[in-house]
Amino acid sequence: MWLELVKEGLKEIKELIDKKDKRREKAFDAVEAINRAANRTTIYITKSVSGTYKSNQELSDLWMEAAKAVRNLDQDLYWRLLGKAEFWSNPEEWSEDRVKKTKISLLEIKRSARKILQKTKK
């Protein structure tokens, strides 16, 4: 009986560790998707004429993929990444004020991505 209790306890501990490892793996996948989109966006911005952005299907798709990767980890960031995807589908409709209010600047998004990893350390 004692041995059975110990075995059951070890099984539950292993399940908890596995669950934490899977969540951490999802966090890394999400951060990598965000960084991929951020890097492509940075390249696009540096090649464009200052402040004149045109819609960009690739960037919109990359931000949608990043949102999908973060969906179960951080709801606030999920909605902000969807906003970033929307921005790149038609940047002419987004004012600087709207970008600030929705917190979709690259800097803010990268900071939020790092926080996802910090949350999974615990």
N, C-alpha and C. Protein backbone atom coordinates (compact mmCIF):
# COMPACT_ATOMS: atom_id res chain seq x y z
N MET A 1 0.82 -1.19 0.00
CA MET A 1 0.00 0.00 0.00
C MET A 1 0.88 1.27 0.00
N TRP A 2 1.87 1.29 0.84
CA TRP A 2 2.79 2.41 0.92
C TRP A 2 3.46 2.64 -0.42
N LEU A 3 3.91 1.56 -1.02
CA LEU A 3 4.59 1.63 -2.30
C LEU A 3 3.65 2.18 -3.38
N GLU A 4 2.41 1.76 -3.34
CA GLU A 4 1.42 2.25 -4.31
C GLU A 4 1.21 3.76 -4.17
N LEU A 5 1.15 4.24 -2.92
CA LEU A 5 0.99 5.68 -2.68
C LEU A 5 2.19 6.46 -3.21
N VAL A 6 3.37 5.95 -2.97
CA VAL A 6 4.58 6.60 -3.46
C VAL A 6 4.59 6.62 -4.99
N LYS A 7 4.25 5.49 -5.60
CA LYS A 7 4.20 5.43 -7.07
C LYS A 7 3.20 6.43 -7.63
N GLU A 8 2.03 6.50 -7.01
CA GLU A 8 1.00 7.43 -7.47
C GLU A 8 1.46 8.88 -7.30
N GLY A 9 2.13 9.17 -6.18
CA GLY A 9 2.66 10.51 -5.96
C GLY A 9 3.72 10.89 -6.99
N LEU A 10 4.61 9.96 -7.29
CA LEU A 10 5.63 10.21 -8.30
C LEU A 10 5.02 10.42 -9.68
N LYS A 11 3.98 9.66 -9.97
CA LYS A 11 3.29 9.80 -11.26
C LYS A 11 2.69 11.21 -11.39
N GLU A 12 2.07 11.69 -10.30
CA GLU A 12 1.48 13.04 -10.32
C GLU A 12 2.55 14.11 -10.46
N ILE A 13 3.66 13.94 -9.81
CA ILE A 13 4.77 14.90 -9.91
C ILE A 13 5.30 14.94 -11.34
N LYS A 14 5.46 13.76 -11.94
CA LYS A 14 5.93 13.69 -13.33
C LYS A 14 4.96 14.40 -14.27
N GLU A 15 3.66 14.21 -14.06
CA GLU A 15 2.65 14.87 -14.90
C GLU A 15 2.73 16.39 -14.77
N LEU A 16 2.94 16.86 -13.55
CA LEU A 16 3.07 18.31 -13.34
C LEU A 16 4.31 18.87 -14.05
N ILE A 17 5.40 18.15 -13.95
CA ILE A 17 6.64 18.58 -14.62
C ILE A 17 6.45 18.58 -16.14
N ASP A 18 5.83 17.53 -16.67
CA ASP A 18 5.58 17.45 -18.10
C ASP A 18 4.69 18.60 -18.57
N LYS A 19 3.69 18.92 -17.78
CA LYS A 19 2.78 20.01 -18.12
C LYS A 19 3.53 21.34 -18.16
N LYS A 20 4.40 21.55 -17.16
CA LYS A 20 5.18 22.79 -17.11
C LYS A 20 6.15 22.86 -18.30
N ASP A 21 6.77 21.73 -18.65
CA ASP A 21 7.68 21.69 -19.79
C ASP A 21 6.95 22.02 -21.10
N LYS A 22 5.74 21.50 -21.26
CA LYS A 22 4.97 21.78 -22.47
C LYS A 22 4.61 23.26 -22.54
N ARG A 23 4.23 23.84 -21.42
CA ARG A 23 3.89 25.27 -21.40
C ARG A 23 5.14 26.10 -21.73
N ARG A 24 6.27 25.71 -21.19
CA ARG A 24 7.51 26.44 -21.47
C ARG A 24 7.87 26.33 -22.95
N GLU A 25 7.68 25.16 -23.53
CA GLU A 25 7.95 24.96 -24.96
C GLU A 25 7.03 25.85 -25.80
N LYS A 26 5.76 25.95 -25.41
CA LYS A 26 4.82 26.83 -26.12
C LYS A 26 5.25 28.29 -25.98
N ALA A 27 5.76 28.65 -24.82
CA ALA A 27 6.23 30.02 -24.61
C ALA A 27 7.40 30.33 -25.53
N PHE A 28 8.35 29.39 -25.63
CA PHE A 28 9.49 29.60 -26.55
C PHE A 28 9.01 29.70 -27.99
N ASP A 29 8.08 28.85 -28.39
CA ASP A 29 7.54 28.92 -29.75
C ASP A 29 6.88 30.27 -30.02
N ALA A 30 6.14 30.76 -29.04
CA ALA A 30 5.46 32.05 -29.19
C ALA A 30 6.47 33.19 -29.32
N VAL A 31 7.46 33.19 -28.46
CA VAL A 31 8.48 34.25 -28.50
C VAL A 31 9.25 34.21 -29.82
N GLU A 32 9.54 33.02 -30.30
CA GLU A 32 10.24 32.91 -31.58
C GLU A 32 9.37 33.43 -32.72
N ALA A 33 8.07 33.15 -32.69
CA ALA A 33 7.16 33.66 -33.73
C ALA A 33 7.09 35.19 -33.67
N ILE A 34 7.04 35.73 -32.47
CA ILE A 34 7.00 37.18 -32.31
C ILE A 34 8.30 37.80 -32.82
N ASN A 35 9.42 37.22 -32.46
CA ASN A 35 10.71 37.75 -32.92
C ASN A 35 10.86 37.64 -34.43
N ARG A 36 10.37 36.57 -35.02
CA ARG A 36 10.42 36.42 -36.48
C ARG A 36 9.65 37.57 -37.14
N ALA A 37 8.44 37.81 -36.65
CA ALA A 37 7.62 38.90 -37.20
C ALA A 37 8.27 40.26 -36.94
N ALA A 38 8.82 40.45 -35.75
CA ALA A 38 9.46 41.72 -35.41
C ALA A 38 10.70 41.97 -36.28
N ASN A 39 11.48 40.92 -36.50
CA ASN A 39 12.68 41.08 -37.34
C ASN A 39 12.31 41.42 -38.77
N ARG A 40 11.32 40.73 -39.32
CA ARG A 40 10.89 41.04 -40.69
C ARG A 40 10.34 42.46 -40.77
N THR A 41 9.62 42.86 -39.74
CA THR A 41 9.06 44.21 -39.71
C THR A 41 10.18 45.24 -39.67
N THR A 42 11.18 44.99 -38.85
CA THR A 42 12.33 45.92 -38.75
C THR A 42 13.02 46.05 -40.11
N ILE A 43 13.22 44.94 -40.77
CA ILE A 43 13.84 44.97 -42.11
C ILE A 43 13.00 45.80 -43.07
N TYR A 44 11.69 45.56 -43.05
CA TYR A 44 10.78 46.30 -43.93
C TYR A 44 10.85 47.80 -43.64
N ILE A 45 10.83 48.14 -42.36
CA ILE A 45 10.84 49.56 -41.97
C ILE A 45 12.14 50.23 -42.39
N THR A 46 13.26 49.56 -42.21
CA THR A 46 14.55 50.18 -42.57
C THR A 46 14.69 50.36 -44.07
N LYS A 47 13.99 49.55 -44.85
CA LYS A 47 14.08 49.68 -46.31
C LYS A 47 13.07 50.67 -46.88
N SER A 48 12.06 51.03 -46.10
CA SER A 48 11.02 51.92 -46.63
C SER A 48 11.39 53.38 -46.39
N VAL A 49 10.74 54.24 -47.15
CA VAL A 49 10.93 55.67 -46.97
C VAL A 49 10.31 56.03 -45.63
N SER A 50 11.01 56.79 -44.84
CA SER A 50 10.62 57.11 -43.47
C SER A 50 9.14 57.48 -43.34
N GLY A 51 8.41 56.66 -42.56
CA GLY A 51 7.03 56.96 -42.22
C GLY A 51 6.00 56.68 -43.29
N THR A 52 6.40 56.13 -44.42
CA THR A 52 5.42 55.86 -45.47
C THR A 52 5.30 54.34 -45.66
N TYR A 53 4.48 53.72 -44.84
CA TYR A 53 4.31 52.28 -44.90
C TYR A 53 3.11 51.92 -45.77
N LYS A 54 3.29 50.91 -46.56
CA LYS A 54 2.21 50.36 -47.38
C LYS A 54 1.78 49.03 -46.78
N SER A 55 0.57 48.60 -47.10
CA SER A 55 0.13 47.32 -46.58
C SER A 55 1.09 46.22 -47.03
N ASN A 56 1.24 45.22 -46.19
CA ASN A 56 2.20 44.16 -46.46
C ASN A 56 1.61 42.83 -45.98
N GLN A 57 1.23 42.01 -46.95
CA GLN A 57 0.59 40.73 -46.65
C GLN A 57 1.49 39.81 -45.81
N GLU A 58 2.77 39.75 -46.15
CA GLU A 58 3.69 38.88 -45.42
C GLU A 58 3.76 39.28 -43.95
N LEU A 59 3.90 40.57 -43.68
CA LEU A 59 3.98 41.02 -42.30
C LEU A 59 2.66 40.77 -41.56
N SER A 60 1.56 41.04 -42.22
CA SER A 60 0.27 40.77 -41.60
C SER A 60 0.14 39.29 -41.24
N ASP A 61 0.54 38.41 -42.14
CA ASP A 61 0.48 36.97 -41.89
C ASP A 61 1.41 36.55 -40.75
N LEU A 62 2.61 37.11 -40.72
CA LEU A 62 3.56 36.78 -39.65
C LEU A 62 3.01 37.19 -38.28
N TRP A 63 2.38 38.36 -38.21
CA TRP A 63 1.82 38.80 -36.94
C TRP A 63 0.61 37.95 -36.56
N MET A 64 -0.15 37.47 -37.54
CA MET A 64 -1.25 36.55 -37.25
C MET A 64 -0.71 35.24 -36.69
N GLU A 65 0.37 34.73 -37.26
CA GLU A 65 0.99 33.49 -36.75
C GLU A 65 1.50 33.69 -35.32
N ALA A 66 2.08 34.85 -35.07
CA ALA A 66 2.56 35.14 -33.72
C ALA A 66 1.39 35.19 -32.74
N ALA A 67 0.29 35.80 -33.15
CA ALA A 67 -0.90 35.85 -32.29
C ALA A 67 -1.40 34.44 -31.98
N LYS A 68 -1.44 33.61 -33.00
CA LYS A 68 -1.89 32.23 -32.81
C LYS A 68 -1.00 31.49 -31.81
N ALA A 69 0.31 31.72 -31.89
CA ALA A 69 1.26 31.05 -31.01
C ALA A 69 1.11 31.50 -29.56
N VAL A 70 0.66 32.71 -29.34
CA VAL A 70 0.57 33.27 -27.98
C VAL A 70 -0.85 33.16 -27.40
N ARG A 71 -1.79 32.73 -28.21
CA ARG A 71 -3.21 32.72 -27.85
C ARG A 71 -3.49 32.12 -26.47
N ASN A 72 -2.92 31.00 -26.14
CA ASN A 72 -3.21 30.33 -24.86
C ASN A 72 -2.27 30.73 -23.73
N LEU A 73 -1.36 31.65 -24.01
CA LEU A 73 -0.38 32.07 -23.01
C LEU A 73 -0.66 33.45 -22.43
N ASP A 74 -1.16 34.36 -23.27
CA ASP A 74 -1.34 35.75 -22.84
C ASP A 74 -2.42 36.40 -23.71
N GLN A 75 -3.62 36.52 -23.17
CA GLN A 75 -4.75 37.05 -23.94
C GLN A 75 -4.55 38.50 -24.36
N ASP A 76 -3.99 39.32 -23.48
CA ASP A 76 -3.75 40.72 -23.83
C ASP A 76 -2.80 40.83 -25.02
N LEU A 77 -1.71 40.10 -24.95
CA LEU A 77 -0.74 40.14 -26.06
C LEU A 77 -1.36 39.55 -27.32
N TYR A 78 -2.17 38.53 -27.18
CA TYR A 78 -2.86 37.94 -28.33
C TYR A 78 -3.64 39.02 -29.09
N TRP A 79 -4.43 39.80 -28.38
CA TRP A 79 -5.24 40.83 -29.04
C TRP A 79 -4.36 41.94 -29.63
N ARG A 80 -3.28 42.26 -28.96
CA ARG A 80 -2.37 43.28 -29.49
C ARG A 80 -1.69 42.80 -30.77
N LEU A 81 -1.32 41.52 -30.82
CA LEU A 81 -0.70 40.98 -32.04
C LEU A 81 -1.70 40.93 -33.18
N LEU A 82 -2.96 40.65 -32.87
CA LEU A 82 -3.98 40.73 -33.92
C LEU A 82 -4.08 42.17 -34.44
N GLY A 83 -3.95 43.13 -33.53
CA GLY A 83 -3.95 44.54 -33.94
C GLY A 83 -2.76 44.85 -34.83
N LYS A 84 -1.61 44.27 -34.52
CA LYS A 84 -0.41 44.47 -35.34
C LYS A 84 -0.64 43.90 -36.73
N ALA A 85 -1.27 42.73 -36.81
CA ALA A 85 -1.59 42.14 -38.11
C ALA A 85 -2.54 43.04 -38.88
N GLU A 86 -3.52 43.58 -38.17
CA GLU A 86 -4.47 44.49 -38.81
C GLU A 86 -3.76 45.76 -39.31
N PHE A 87 -2.84 46.26 -38.49
CA PHE A 87 -2.06 47.43 -38.89
C PHE A 87 -1.39 47.20 -40.24
N TRP A 88 -0.73 46.05 -40.39
CA TRP A 88 0.01 45.80 -41.63
C TRP A 88 -0.90 45.46 -42.80
N SER A 89 -2.14 45.19 -42.54
CA SER A 89 -3.07 45.01 -43.66
C SER A 89 -3.49 46.36 -44.25
N ASN A 90 -3.39 47.43 -43.42
CA ASN A 90 -3.73 48.77 -43.92
C ASN A 90 -3.14 49.83 -42.98
N PRO A 91 -1.82 50.04 -43.03
CA PRO A 91 -1.18 50.98 -42.10
C PRO A 91 -1.62 52.43 -42.27
N GLU A 92 -2.13 52.78 -43.44
CA GLU A 92 -2.55 54.16 -43.68
C GLU A 92 -3.68 54.58 -42.75
N GLU A 93 -4.45 53.62 -42.24
CA GLU A 93 -5.59 53.94 -41.37
C GLU A 93 -5.21 54.04 -39.89
N TRP A 94 -3.96 53.79 -39.58
CA TRP A 94 -3.52 53.81 -38.19
C TRP A 94 -2.71 55.06 -37.89
N SER A 95 -3.19 55.87 -36.97
CA SER A 95 -2.44 57.05 -36.54
C SER A 95 -1.42 56.63 -35.48
N GLU A 96 -0.44 57.49 -35.25
CA GLU A 96 0.54 57.21 -34.19
C GLU A 96 -0.16 57.07 -32.85
N ASP A 97 -1.17 57.89 -32.63
CA ASP A 97 -1.91 57.84 -31.37
C ASP A 97 -2.61 56.49 -31.20
N ARG A 98 -3.18 55.98 -32.26
CA ARG A 98 -3.86 54.67 -32.20
C ARG A 98 -2.85 53.56 -31.91
N VAL A 99 -1.69 53.64 -32.53
CA VAL A 99 -0.64 52.64 -32.28
C VAL A 99 -0.23 52.68 -30.81
N LYS A 100 -0.08 53.89 -30.26
CA LYS A 100 0.29 54.02 -28.84
C LYS A 100 -0.80 53.46 -27.93
N LYS A 101 -2.05 53.82 -28.21
CA LYS A 101 -3.16 53.37 -27.37
C LYS A 101 -3.33 51.85 -27.38
N THR A 102 -3.09 51.24 -28.52
CA THR A 102 -3.26 49.79 -28.62
C THR A 102 -1.99 49.02 -28.23
N LYS A 103 -0.93 49.75 -27.94
CA LYS A 103 0.34 49.17 -27.48
C LYS A 103 0.88 48.11 -28.45
N ILE A 104 0.98 48.50 -29.74
CA ILE A 104 1.48 47.56 -30.73
C ILE A 104 2.83 47.97 -31.31
N SER A 105 3.52 48.88 -30.64
CA SER A 105 4.86 49.23 -31.12
C SER A 105 5.77 48.00 -30.97
N LEU A 106 6.79 47.92 -31.80
CA LEU A 106 7.70 46.77 -31.72
C LEU A 106 8.33 46.65 -30.35
N LEU A 107 8.72 47.77 -29.77
CA LEU A 107 9.36 47.75 -28.46
C LEU A 107 8.42 47.17 -27.39
N GLU A 108 7.19 47.62 -27.38
CA GLU A 108 6.24 47.13 -26.37
C GLU A 108 5.94 45.64 -26.57
N ILE A 109 5.82 45.23 -27.80
CA ILE A 109 5.53 43.82 -28.08
C ILE A 109 6.71 42.94 -27.68
N LYS A 110 7.93 43.37 -27.97
CA LYS A 110 9.10 42.59 -27.57
C LYS A 110 9.21 42.48 -26.05
N ARG A 111 8.90 43.55 -25.35
CA ARG A 111 8.91 43.51 -23.88
C ARG A 111 7.90 42.49 -23.36
N SER A 112 6.72 42.51 -23.94
CA SER A 112 5.67 41.57 -23.53
C SER A 112 6.06 40.14 -23.83
N ALA A 113 6.75 39.93 -24.94
CA ALA A 113 7.19 38.58 -25.30
C ALA A 113 8.17 38.05 -24.26
N ARG A 114 9.07 38.89 -23.81
CA ARG A 114 10.03 38.46 -22.77
C ARG A 114 9.32 38.09 -21.47
N LYS A 115 8.24 38.81 -21.17
CA LYS A 115 7.49 38.53 -19.94
C LYS A 115 6.85 37.14 -19.99
N ILE A 116 6.50 36.69 -21.18
CA ILE A 116 5.92 35.34 -21.30
C ILE A 116 6.92 34.31 -20.80
N LEU A 117 8.17 34.45 -21.19
CA LEU A 117 9.19 33.50 -20.74
C LEU A 117 9.42 33.61 -19.24
N GLN A 118 9.38 34.82 -18.72
CA GLN A 118 9.57 35.00 -17.28
C GLN A 118 8.46 34.32 -16.49
N LYS A 119 7.24 34.37 -17.01
CA LYS A 119 6.11 33.72 -16.34
C LYS A 119 6.27 32.21 -16.28
N THR A 120 6.87 31.63 -17.30
CA THR A 120 6.98 30.17 -17.35
C THR A 120 8.16 29.64 -16.56
N LYS A 121 9.04 30.52 -16.07
CA LYS A 121 10.15 30.09 -15.24
C LYS A 121 9.67 29.58 -13.90
N LYS A 122 8.59 30.17 -13.43
CA LYS A 122 8.08 29.87 -12.09
C LYS A 122 7.52 28.48 -11.99
